[in-house]
Amino acid sequence: MSWVSSIDIWKYPIATHDRLMLILTQRFSANPQRIVPSTLLLTADERTRSRRQVRTDGGEVAHLRLPRGTVLRDGDLLKPDTGEIWVRVLAKPESVFTIKATTALKLLQAAYHLGNRHVQLEIHPTYLRLSPDPVLKQMLEQLQVEIVEEVVPFQPEIGAYGHHHHRSSSK
């Protein structure tokens, strides 16, 4: 094997135990029609880490080598620079608070207060969704909105400037 510079090494498969490890370097928007052999089930936080080792649904180890700051969305497609092996990203169900309100104004007020705290937030016309946090739960209870604790895929908004900020007050 010829020498490869450390700058280019991420472009080539890594041999481990006589098998090539998949190195995923390209991201494409969701395409439900594309048939893929593997999926990656990732939480919202895991979808913000663009350079790491992952395991597909079939148990295969792969490496993400995406541009720094890449935030993966449910349904995104990944592939290596070489070859046509496609992998679909799926949002892994996780514990969340789903916030519902009796009026649009109450839901907007909840969104306003959560936004002031720079909380990761999934926004829909009839509900908000966020990671569980006892302090935020108490604040939301004072706003008299309904808080449903559930386990579902979480798709928080990406920052207004195109990147993702993560803050967790319960860690």
Protein backbone atom coordinates (compact mmCIF):
# COMPACT_ATOMS: atom_id res chain seq x y z
CA MET A 1 0.00 0.00 0.00
CA SER A 2 1.37 3.40 -0.91
CA TRP A 3 1.68 6.15 1.66
CA VAL A 4 -1.32 8.49 1.92
CA SER A 5 -1.07 11.87 3.60
CA SER A 6 -3.06 12.38 6.77
CA ILE A 7 -5.06 15.07 5.01
CA ASP A 8 -6.32 12.59 2.41
CA ILE A 9 -6.69 9.53 4.62
CA TRP A 10 -10.40 10.20 5.32
CA LYS A 11 -11.16 9.74 1.63
CA TYR A 12 -10.25 6.06 1.64
CA PRO A 13 -11.80 3.05 3.35
CA ILE A 14 -10.09 1.85 6.50
CA ALA A 15 -9.23 -1.85 6.64
CA THR A 16 -10.21 -3.49 9.92
CA HIS A 17 -10.10 -7.24 10.51
CA ASP A 18 -9.79 -7.90 6.74
CA ARG A 19 -12.88 -5.77 5.99
CA LEU A 20 -13.22 -2.26 4.69
CA MET A 21 -14.83 0.26 7.00
CA LEU A 22 -17.33 2.59 5.41
CA ILE A 23 -16.36 6.28 5.60
CA LEU A 24 -19.36 8.51 4.89
CA THR A 25 -18.26 11.87 3.50
CA GLN A 26 -21.21 13.16 1.48
CA ARG A 27 -24.69 14.27 2.59
CA PHE A 28 -27.74 14.52 0.34
CA SER A 29 -31.27 15.69 1.10
CA ALA A 30 -33.94 13.10 1.80
CA ASN A 31 -35.12 11.03 -1.15
CA PRO A 32 -37.69 8.42 -0.07
CA GLN A 33 -37.50 6.71 -3.48
CA ARG A 34 -33.80 5.84 -3.12
CA ILE A 35 -33.31 2.26 -2.01
CA VAL A 36 -30.60 2.03 0.64
CA PRO A 37 -28.97 -1.05 2.19
CA SER A 38 -28.47 0.49 5.65
CA THR A 39 -29.81 3.08 8.04
CA LEU A 40 -28.36 5.06 10.94
CA LEU A 41 -30.73 5.61 13.84
CA LEU A 42 -29.50 8.80 15.59
CA THR A 43 -30.86 11.11 18.30
CA ALA A 44 -31.09 14.87 17.69
CA ASP A 45 -27.81 15.40 19.57
CA GLU A 46 -26.06 12.60 17.67
CA ARG A 47 -27.16 14.16 14.37
CA THR A 48 -25.13 17.30 15.24
CA ARG A 49 -21.80 15.45 15.47
CA SER A 50 -20.33 15.32 11.98
CA ARG A 51 -17.12 13.41 12.70
CA ARG A 52 -17.50 10.21 14.67
CA GLN A 53 -17.85 6.46 14.58
CA VAL A 54 -21.38 5.10 14.14
CA ARG A 55 -23.05 1.71 13.80
CA THR A 56 -25.68 0.97 11.13
CA ASP A 57 -28.89 -0.93 11.79
CA GLY A 58 -27.11 -4.03 10.44
CA GLY A 59 -24.32 -3.66 13.01
CA GLU A 60 -21.68 -2.43 10.56
CA VAL A 61 -19.23 0.15 11.91
CA ALA A 62 -18.90 3.30 9.80
CA HIS A 63 -17.25 6.68 10.24
CA LEU A 64 -18.88 10.04 9.61
CA ARG A 65 -16.44 12.48 8.01
CA LEU A 66 -18.77 15.30 7.05
CA PRO A 67 -17.91 19.01 6.94
CA ARG A 68 -17.73 20.42 10.46
CA GLY A 69 -21.00 21.94 11.56
CA THR A 70 -23.14 19.60 9.44
CA VAL A 71 -26.48 18.85 11.09
CA LEU A 72 -28.19 15.73 9.79
CA ARG A 73 -31.96 15.64 9.34
CA ASP A 74 -34.34 12.70 9.38
CA GLY A 75 -34.23 11.04 5.96
CA ASP A 76 -30.89 12.53 4.84
CA LEU A 77 -28.76 10.24 2.70
CA LEU A 78 -25.04 9.64 3.20
CA LYS A 79 -22.44 8.02 0.99
CA PRO A 80 -18.67 7.72 0.67
CA ASP A 81 -16.60 9.58 -1.93
CA THR A 82 -16.03 6.30 -3.69
CA GLY A 83 -18.67 3.69 -4.40
CA GLU A 84 -22.43 3.76 -4.42
CA ILE A 85 -23.19 2.54 -0.90
CA TRP A 86 -25.99 4.72 0.44
CA VAL A 87 -27.06 5.03 4.08
CA ARG A 88 -30.27 6.74 5.28
CA VAL A 89 -30.31 8.76 8.51
CA LEU A 90 -33.38 8.22 10.70
CA ALA A 91 -34.36 10.25 13.75
CA LYS A 92 -34.19 7.92 16.75
CA PRO A 93 -37.16 8.18 19.13
CA GLU A 94 -36.08 9.85 22.37
CA SER A 95 -37.64 11.30 25.53
CA VAL A 96 -39.16 14.73 24.92
CA PHE A 97 -41.71 17.16 26.29
CA THR A 98 -44.43 17.99 23.78
CA ILE A 99 -46.08 21.30 24.62
CA LYS A 100 -49.67 22.00 23.61
CA ALA A 101 -51.83 24.99 24.43
CA THR A 102 -55.49 25.93 24.35
CA THR A 103 -54.74 29.03 22.26
CA ALA A 104 -52.18 30.02 19.67
CA LEU A 105 -51.15 32.94 21.91
CA LYS A 106 -50.27 30.60 24.81
CA LEU A 107 -48.18 28.44 22.46
CA LEU A 108 -46.40 31.54 21.16
CA GLN A 109 -45.71 32.68 24.73
CA ALA A 110 -44.19 29.29 25.54
CA ALA A 111 -42.03 29.48 22.39
CA TYR A 112 -40.93 33.00 23.35
CA HIS A 113 -39.82 31.97 26.85
CA LEU A 114 -38.06 28.82 25.61
CA GLY A 115 -36.32 30.85 22.90
CA ASN A 116 -35.04 33.29 25.52
CA ARG A 117 -33.33 30.32 27.14
CA HIS A 118 -31.75 29.16 23.84
CA VAL A 119 -33.39 25.75 24.14
CA GLN A 120 -33.36 23.30 21.21
CA LEU A 121 -36.94 23.46 20.01
CA GLU A 122 -39.02 21.66 17.41
CA ILE A 123 -41.78 23.99 16.22
CA HIS A 124 -45.14 23.01 14.72
CA PRO A 125 -48.36 24.98 14.30
CA THR A 126 -50.09 23.09 17.13
CA TYR A 127 -47.22 22.04 19.42
CA LEU A 128 -43.62 22.56 20.49
CA ARG A 129 -41.17 19.83 21.37
CA LEU A 130 -38.03 19.98 23.56
CA SER A 131 -35.69 17.75 25.54
CA PRO A 132 -36.89 17.07 29.09
CA ASP A 133 -35.68 19.52 31.71
CA PRO A 134 -37.22 19.88 35.19
CA VAL A 135 -36.58 23.65 35.39
CA LEU A 136 -38.21 24.26 32.02
CA LYS A 137 -41.10 21.98 32.97
CA GLN A 138 -41.77 24.14 36.03
CA MET A 139 -41.68 27.32 33.90
CA LEU A 140 -44.06 25.79 31.36
CA GLU A 141 -46.44 24.69 34.11
CA GLN A 142 -46.56 28.33 35.30
CA LEU A 143 -47.52 29.33 31.74
CA GLN A 144 -50.44 26.89 32.03
CA VAL A 145 -49.68 24.88 28.92
CA GLU A 146 -50.11 21.13 28.55
CA ILE A 147 -46.87 19.13 28.87
CA VAL A 148 -46.87 15.60 27.45
CA GLU A 149 -43.87 13.39 28.21
CA GLU A 150 -43.32 10.98 25.33
CA VAL A 151 -40.72 9.08 23.33
CA VAL A 152 -40.73 10.17 19.68
CA PRO A 153 -38.25 11.35 17.02
CA PHE A 154 -37.03 14.89 17.85
CA GLN A 155 -36.30 17.38 15.04
CA PRO A 156 -35.20 20.68 16.61
CA GLU A 157 -34.84 23.78 14.47
CA ILE A 158 -31.40 24.57 13.12
CA GLY A 159 -30.06 27.97 14.18
CA ALA A 160 -31.03 31.07 12.19
CA TYR A 161 -27.45 31.42 10.98
CA GLY A 162 -27.33 27.90 9.57
CA HIS A 163 -25.55 26.19 12.42
CA HIS A 164 -26.61 24.36 15.52
CA HIS A 165 -26.12 25.44 19.11
CA HIS A 166 -26.54 22.85 21.84
CA ARG A 167 -27.35 23.71 25.39
CA SER A 168 -28.61 21.37 28.03
CA SER A 169 -29.38 22.69 31.47
CA SER A 170 -29.99 19.24 32.97
CA LYS A 171 -26.49 17.79 32.39
